Amino acid sequence: MLNEEQRTKNKDKRWFSRRVFLVLFSIFYSLYSFPQCAMCRAALESEESGVQAEAINDGIVYLMVIPYLLVAVAGYAIYRMKYAKKKEENVELKIK
């Protein structure tokens, strides 16, 4: 029988390996996906040149990136506010 410490270590290893598998699966699975809905793809595949299809793909990817940028900017702003507040507290402590 395993003691409590060994059980905890085994549980942590399983949790970590499951996370790694999930991340790797998500990365590699997304490599084969297409950023188009089925109707757009069917309409654009009937066309001889792929220029319009590539333009639609680029537009979809562009629209997908905007929310991530907004979240990143908001996260950075929150980080800066917390950093400034912590800096003010340190200055106040030095003055006292």
N, C-alpha and C. Protein backbone atom coordinates (compact mmCIF):
# COMPACT_ATOMS: atom_id res chain seq x y z
N MET A 1 0.84 -1.18 0.00
CA MET A 1 0.00 0.00 0.00
C MET A 1 0.88 1.24 0.00
N LEU A 2 0.38 2.27 -0.63
CA LEU A 2 1.11 3.53 -0.70
C LEU A 2 0.72 4.42 0.46
N ASN A 3 1.70 5.15 0.95
CA ASN A 3 1.36 6.10 1.99
C ASN A 3 0.78 7.36 1.37
N GLU A 4 0.37 8.27 2.19
CA GLU A 4 -0.33 9.49 1.72
C GLU A 4 0.56 10.34 0.82
N GLU A 5 1.83 10.47 1.15
CA GLU A 5 2.75 11.29 0.35
C GLU A 5 2.94 10.71 -1.05
N GLN A 6 3.07 9.40 -1.15
CA GLN A 6 3.23 8.76 -2.46
C GLN A 6 1.96 8.90 -3.30
N ARG A 7 0.81 8.77 -2.66
CA ARG A 7 -0.46 8.95 -3.39
C ARG A 7 -0.57 10.37 -3.94
N THR A 8 -0.17 11.34 -3.15
CA THR A 8 -0.23 12.73 -3.58
C THR A 8 0.71 12.97 -4.76
N LYS A 9 1.92 12.41 -4.70
CA LYS A 9 2.86 12.56 -5.81
C LYS A 9 2.32 11.91 -7.08
N ASN A 10 1.77 10.71 -6.96
CA ASN A 10 1.21 10.04 -8.13
C ASN A 10 0.04 10.83 -8.71
N LYS A 11 -0.78 11.39 -7.85
CA LYS A 11 -1.92 12.18 -8.30
C LYS A 11 -1.44 13.43 -9.03
N ASP A 12 -0.40 14.08 -8.52
CA ASP A 12 0.16 15.27 -9.17
C ASP A 12 0.74 14.92 -10.54
N LYS A 13 1.42 13.78 -10.64
CA LYS A 13 2.00 13.37 -11.92
C LYS A 13 0.91 13.10 -12.94
N ARG A 14 -0.16 12.43 -12.52
CA ARG A 14 -1.26 12.14 -13.44
C ARG A 14 -1.92 13.43 -13.89
N TRP A 15 -2.12 14.36 -12.96
CA TRP A 15 -2.76 15.63 -13.29
C TRP A 15 -1.90 16.38 -14.29
N PHE A 16 -0.59 16.40 -14.08
CA PHE A 16 0.32 17.10 -14.99
C PHE A 16 0.32 16.44 -16.36
N SER A 17 0.40 15.12 -16.41
CA SER A 17 0.44 14.44 -17.70
C SER A 17 -0.87 14.62 -18.46
N ARG A 18 -1.99 14.66 -17.77
CA ARG A 18 -3.27 14.91 -18.44
C ARG A 18 -3.30 16.32 -19.02
N ARG A 19 -2.80 17.28 -18.27
CA ARG A 19 -2.75 18.65 -18.77
C ARG A 19 -1.88 18.76 -20.01
N VAL A 20 -0.71 18.16 -19.96
CA VAL A 20 0.21 18.21 -21.09
C VAL A 20 -0.44 17.57 -22.31
N PHE A 21 -1.08 16.41 -22.12
CA PHE A 21 -1.76 15.75 -23.23
C PHE A 21 -2.85 16.64 -23.81
N LEU A 22 -3.64 17.27 -22.96
CA LEU A 22 -4.72 18.13 -23.43
C LEU A 22 -4.19 19.31 -24.22
N VAL A 23 -3.13 19.94 -23.75
CA VAL A 23 -2.54 21.08 -24.45
C VAL A 23 -1.98 20.65 -25.80
N LEU A 24 -1.22 19.56 -25.81
CA LEU A 24 -0.65 19.08 -27.08
C LEU A 24 -1.74 18.67 -28.06
N PHE A 25 -2.77 18.00 -27.57
CA PHE A 25 -3.87 17.60 -28.44
C PHE A 25 -4.55 18.82 -29.03
N SER A 26 -4.77 19.84 -28.21
CA SER A 26 -5.42 21.06 -28.69
C SER A 26 -4.58 21.75 -29.76
N ILE A 27 -3.28 21.80 -29.56
CA ILE A 27 -2.40 22.45 -30.52
C ILE A 27 -2.39 21.71 -31.85
N PHE A 28 -2.18 20.40 -31.79
CA PHE A 28 -2.07 19.64 -33.04
C PHE A 28 -3.41 19.44 -33.73
N TYR A 29 -4.48 19.39 -32.97
CA TYR A 29 -5.80 19.25 -33.58
C TYR A 29 -6.16 20.51 -34.35
N SER A 30 -5.78 21.66 -33.83
CA SER A 30 -6.13 22.91 -34.49
C SER A 30 -5.33 23.15 -35.77
N LEU A 31 -4.22 22.43 -35.96
CA LEU A 31 -3.43 22.60 -37.17
C LEU A 31 -4.19 22.18 -38.41
N TYR A 32 -5.13 21.26 -38.28
CA TYR A 32 -5.86 20.75 -39.43
C TYR A 32 -7.24 21.37 -39.58
N SER A 33 -7.58 22.33 -38.80
CA SER A 33 -8.89 22.95 -38.90
C SER A 33 -8.84 24.12 -39.89
N PHE A 34 -9.97 24.44 -40.45
CA PHE A 34 -10.07 25.53 -41.40
C PHE A 34 -10.92 26.64 -40.78
N PRO A 35 -10.49 27.90 -40.90
CA PRO A 35 -11.26 28.99 -40.31
C PRO A 35 -12.41 29.44 -41.20
N GLN A 36 -13.25 28.51 -41.60
CA GLN A 36 -14.41 28.85 -42.42
C GLN A 36 -15.61 28.06 -41.95
N CYS A 37 -16.77 28.64 -42.13
CA CYS A 37 -17.98 27.86 -41.90
C CYS A 37 -18.20 26.99 -43.13
N ALA A 38 -19.03 25.99 -43.00
CA ALA A 38 -19.24 25.04 -44.09
C ALA A 38 -19.87 25.71 -45.31
N MET A 39 -20.78 26.63 -45.10
CA MET A 39 -21.44 27.29 -46.23
C MET A 39 -20.47 28.19 -46.99
N CYS A 40 -19.64 28.94 -46.28
CA CYS A 40 -18.66 29.80 -46.95
C CYS A 40 -17.68 28.96 -47.75
N ARG A 41 -17.25 27.87 -47.15
CA ARG A 41 -16.29 27.01 -47.83
C ARG A 41 -16.89 26.42 -49.11
N ALA A 42 -18.13 25.94 -49.04
CA ALA A 42 -18.76 25.36 -50.23
C ALA A 42 -18.93 26.41 -51.32
N ALA A 43 -19.29 27.61 -50.96
CA ALA A 43 -19.49 28.67 -51.95
C ALA A 43 -18.17 29.07 -52.58
N LEU A 44 -17.11 29.10 -51.81
CA LEU A 44 -15.82 29.55 -52.32
C LEU A 44 -15.05 28.46 -53.06
N GLU A 45 -15.33 27.20 -52.77
CA GLU A 45 -14.64 26.12 -53.47
C GLU A 45 -15.13 25.97 -54.91
N SER A 46 -16.33 26.44 -55.18
CA SER A 46 -16.87 26.33 -56.53
C SER A 46 -16.17 27.31 -57.49
N GLU A 47 -15.47 28.27 -56.93
CA GLU A 47 -14.76 29.26 -57.74
C GLU A 47 -13.43 28.69 -58.22
N GLU A 48 -13.01 29.07 -59.42
CA GLU A 48 -11.77 28.54 -60.00
C GLU A 48 -10.52 29.04 -59.27
N SER A 49 -10.41 30.34 -59.06
CA SER A 49 -9.22 30.88 -58.39
C SER A 49 -9.46 30.88 -56.88
N GLY A 50 -8.40 30.67 -56.14
CA GLY A 50 -8.51 30.62 -54.68
C GLY A 50 -8.26 31.94 -54.01
N VAL A 51 -8.21 33.02 -54.78
CA VAL A 51 -7.89 34.34 -54.21
C VAL A 51 -8.98 34.78 -53.25
N GLN A 52 -10.22 34.63 -53.66
CA GLN A 52 -11.33 35.07 -52.81
C GLN A 52 -11.41 34.20 -51.55
N ALA A 53 -11.15 32.91 -51.70
CA ALA A 53 -11.17 32.01 -50.54
C ALA A 53 -10.09 32.40 -49.53
N GLU A 54 -8.91 32.73 -50.03
CA GLU A 54 -7.83 33.15 -49.14
C GLU A 54 -8.17 34.46 -48.46
N ALA A 55 -8.83 35.36 -49.17
CA ALA A 55 -9.22 36.64 -48.58
C ALA A 55 -10.25 36.42 -47.47
N ILE A 56 -11.18 35.51 -47.70
CA ILE A 56 -12.17 35.20 -46.66
C ILE A 56 -11.48 34.60 -45.44
N ASN A 57 -10.56 33.68 -45.66
CA ASN A 57 -9.80 33.09 -44.55
C ASN A 57 -9.06 34.15 -43.76
N ASP A 58 -8.39 35.04 -44.46
CA ASP A 58 -7.65 36.11 -43.78
C ASP A 58 -8.59 37.00 -42.97
N GLY A 59 -9.74 37.31 -43.52
CA GLY A 59 -10.72 38.14 -42.81
C GLY A 59 -11.23 37.46 -41.55
N ILE A 60 -11.48 36.16 -41.64
CA ILE A 60 -11.96 35.42 -40.47
C ILE A 60 -10.90 35.39 -39.38
N VAL A 61 -9.67 35.14 -39.78
CA VAL A 61 -8.57 35.12 -38.80
C VAL A 61 -8.40 36.50 -38.18
N TYR A 62 -8.49 37.55 -38.97
CA TYR A 62 -8.39 38.92 -38.46
C TYR A 62 -9.48 39.18 -37.42
N LEU A 63 -10.70 38.79 -37.72
CA LEU A 63 -11.81 38.99 -36.77
C LEU A 63 -11.62 38.15 -35.51
N MET A 64 -10.97 37.02 -35.62
CA MET A 64 -10.73 36.16 -34.47
C MET A 64 -9.66 36.75 -33.54
N VAL A 65 -8.69 37.46 -34.11
CA VAL A 65 -7.57 37.99 -33.33
C VAL A 65 -7.98 39.19 -32.48
N ILE A 66 -8.92 39.98 -32.95
CA ILE A 66 -9.31 41.22 -32.26
C ILE A 66 -9.71 40.98 -30.79
N PRO A 67 -10.58 40.02 -30.46
CA PRO A 67 -10.92 39.82 -29.04
C PRO A 67 -9.71 39.45 -28.18
N TYR A 68 -8.80 38.65 -28.73
CA TYR A 68 -7.60 38.28 -27.96
C TYR A 68 -6.74 39.51 -27.68
N LEU A 69 -6.62 40.39 -28.64
CA LEU A 69 -5.85 41.62 -28.42
C LEU A 69 -6.51 42.50 -27.37
N LEU A 70 -7.83 42.60 -27.43
CA LEU A 70 -8.53 43.42 -26.43
C LEU A 70 -8.34 42.86 -25.02
N VAL A 71 -8.42 41.55 -24.87
CA VAL A 71 -8.20 40.94 -23.56
C VAL A 71 -6.76 41.15 -23.10
N ALA A 72 -5.82 41.04 -24.01
CA ALA A 72 -4.41 41.25 -23.66
C ALA A 72 -4.17 42.69 -23.21
N VAL A 73 -4.75 43.65 -23.91
CA VAL A 73 -4.59 45.06 -23.53
C VAL A 73 -5.23 45.32 -22.17
N ALA A 74 -6.42 44.77 -21.95
CA ALA A 74 -7.08 44.95 -20.66
C ALA A 74 -6.26 44.31 -19.54
N GLY A 75 -5.71 43.13 -19.78
CA GLY A 75 -4.87 42.46 -18.78
C GLY A 75 -3.62 43.27 -18.47
N TYR A 76 -3.01 43.84 -19.49
CA TYR A 76 -1.83 44.66 -19.28
C TYR A 76 -2.17 45.92 -18.48
N ALA A 77 -3.32 46.53 -18.78
CA ALA A 77 -3.74 47.73 -18.05
C ALA A 77 -3.99 47.39 -16.58
N ILE A 78 -4.61 46.27 -16.31
CA ILE A 78 -4.85 45.86 -14.92
C ILE A 78 -3.53 45.60 -14.22
N TYR A 79 -2.61 44.94 -14.90
CA TYR A 79 -1.29 44.68 -14.33
C TYR A 79 -0.59 45.99 -13.98
N ARG A 80 -0.64 46.94 -14.89
CA ARG A 80 0.01 48.23 -14.64
C ARG A 80 -0.62 48.96 -13.45
N MET A 81 -1.95 48.89 -13.33
CA MET A 81 -2.61 49.55 -12.21
C MET A 81 -2.19 48.92 -10.89
N LYS A 82 -2.12 47.59 -10.84
CA LYS A 82 -1.71 46.91 -9.61
C LYS A 82 -0.25 47.23 -9.29
N TYR A 83 0.59 47.27 -10.32
CA TYR A 83 2.00 47.57 -10.11
C TYR A 83 2.16 48.99 -9.59
N ALA A 84 1.40 49.94 -10.13
CA ALA A 84 1.49 51.33 -9.67
C ALA A 84 1.02 51.44 -8.23
N LYS A 85 -0.05 50.73 -7.88
CA LYS A 85 -0.56 50.78 -6.51
C LYS A 85 0.46 50.20 -5.54
N LYS A 86 1.12 49.10 -5.92
CA LYS A 86 2.13 48.50 -5.07
C LYS A 86 3.32 49.43 -4.92
N LYS A 87 3.68 50.12 -5.98
CA LYS A 87 4.80 51.05 -5.94
C LYS A 87 4.49 52.22 -5.01
N GLU A 88 3.25 52.72 -5.05
CA GLU A 88 2.84 53.81 -4.15
C GLU A 88 2.91 53.36 -2.70
N GLU A 89 2.48 52.13 -2.42
CA GLU A 89 2.53 51.62 -1.05
C GLU A 89 3.98 51.53 -0.56
N ASN A 90 4.89 51.10 -1.42
CA ASN A 90 6.30 51.01 -1.04
C ASN A 90 6.88 52.39 -0.76
N VAL A 91 6.49 53.39 -1.56
CA VAL A 91 6.98 54.76 -1.34
C VAL A 91 6.46 55.29 -0.01
N GLU A 92 5.18 55.04 0.29
CA GLU A 92 4.60 55.49 1.55
C GLU A 92 5.29 54.84 2.74
N LEU A 93 5.64 53.57 2.62
CA LEU A 93 6.33 52.88 3.71
C LEU A 93 7.72 53.44 3.93
N LYS A 94 8.39 53.84 2.86
CA LYS A 94 9.74 54.42 2.97
C LYS A 94 9.70 55.79 3.62
N ILE A 95 8.64 56.55 3.35
CA ILE A 95 8.50 57.90 3.91
C ILE A 95 8.27 57.82 5.41
N LYS A 96 7.49 56.86 5.86
CA LYS A 96 7.20 56.73 7.29
C LYS A 96 8.41 56.24 7.98
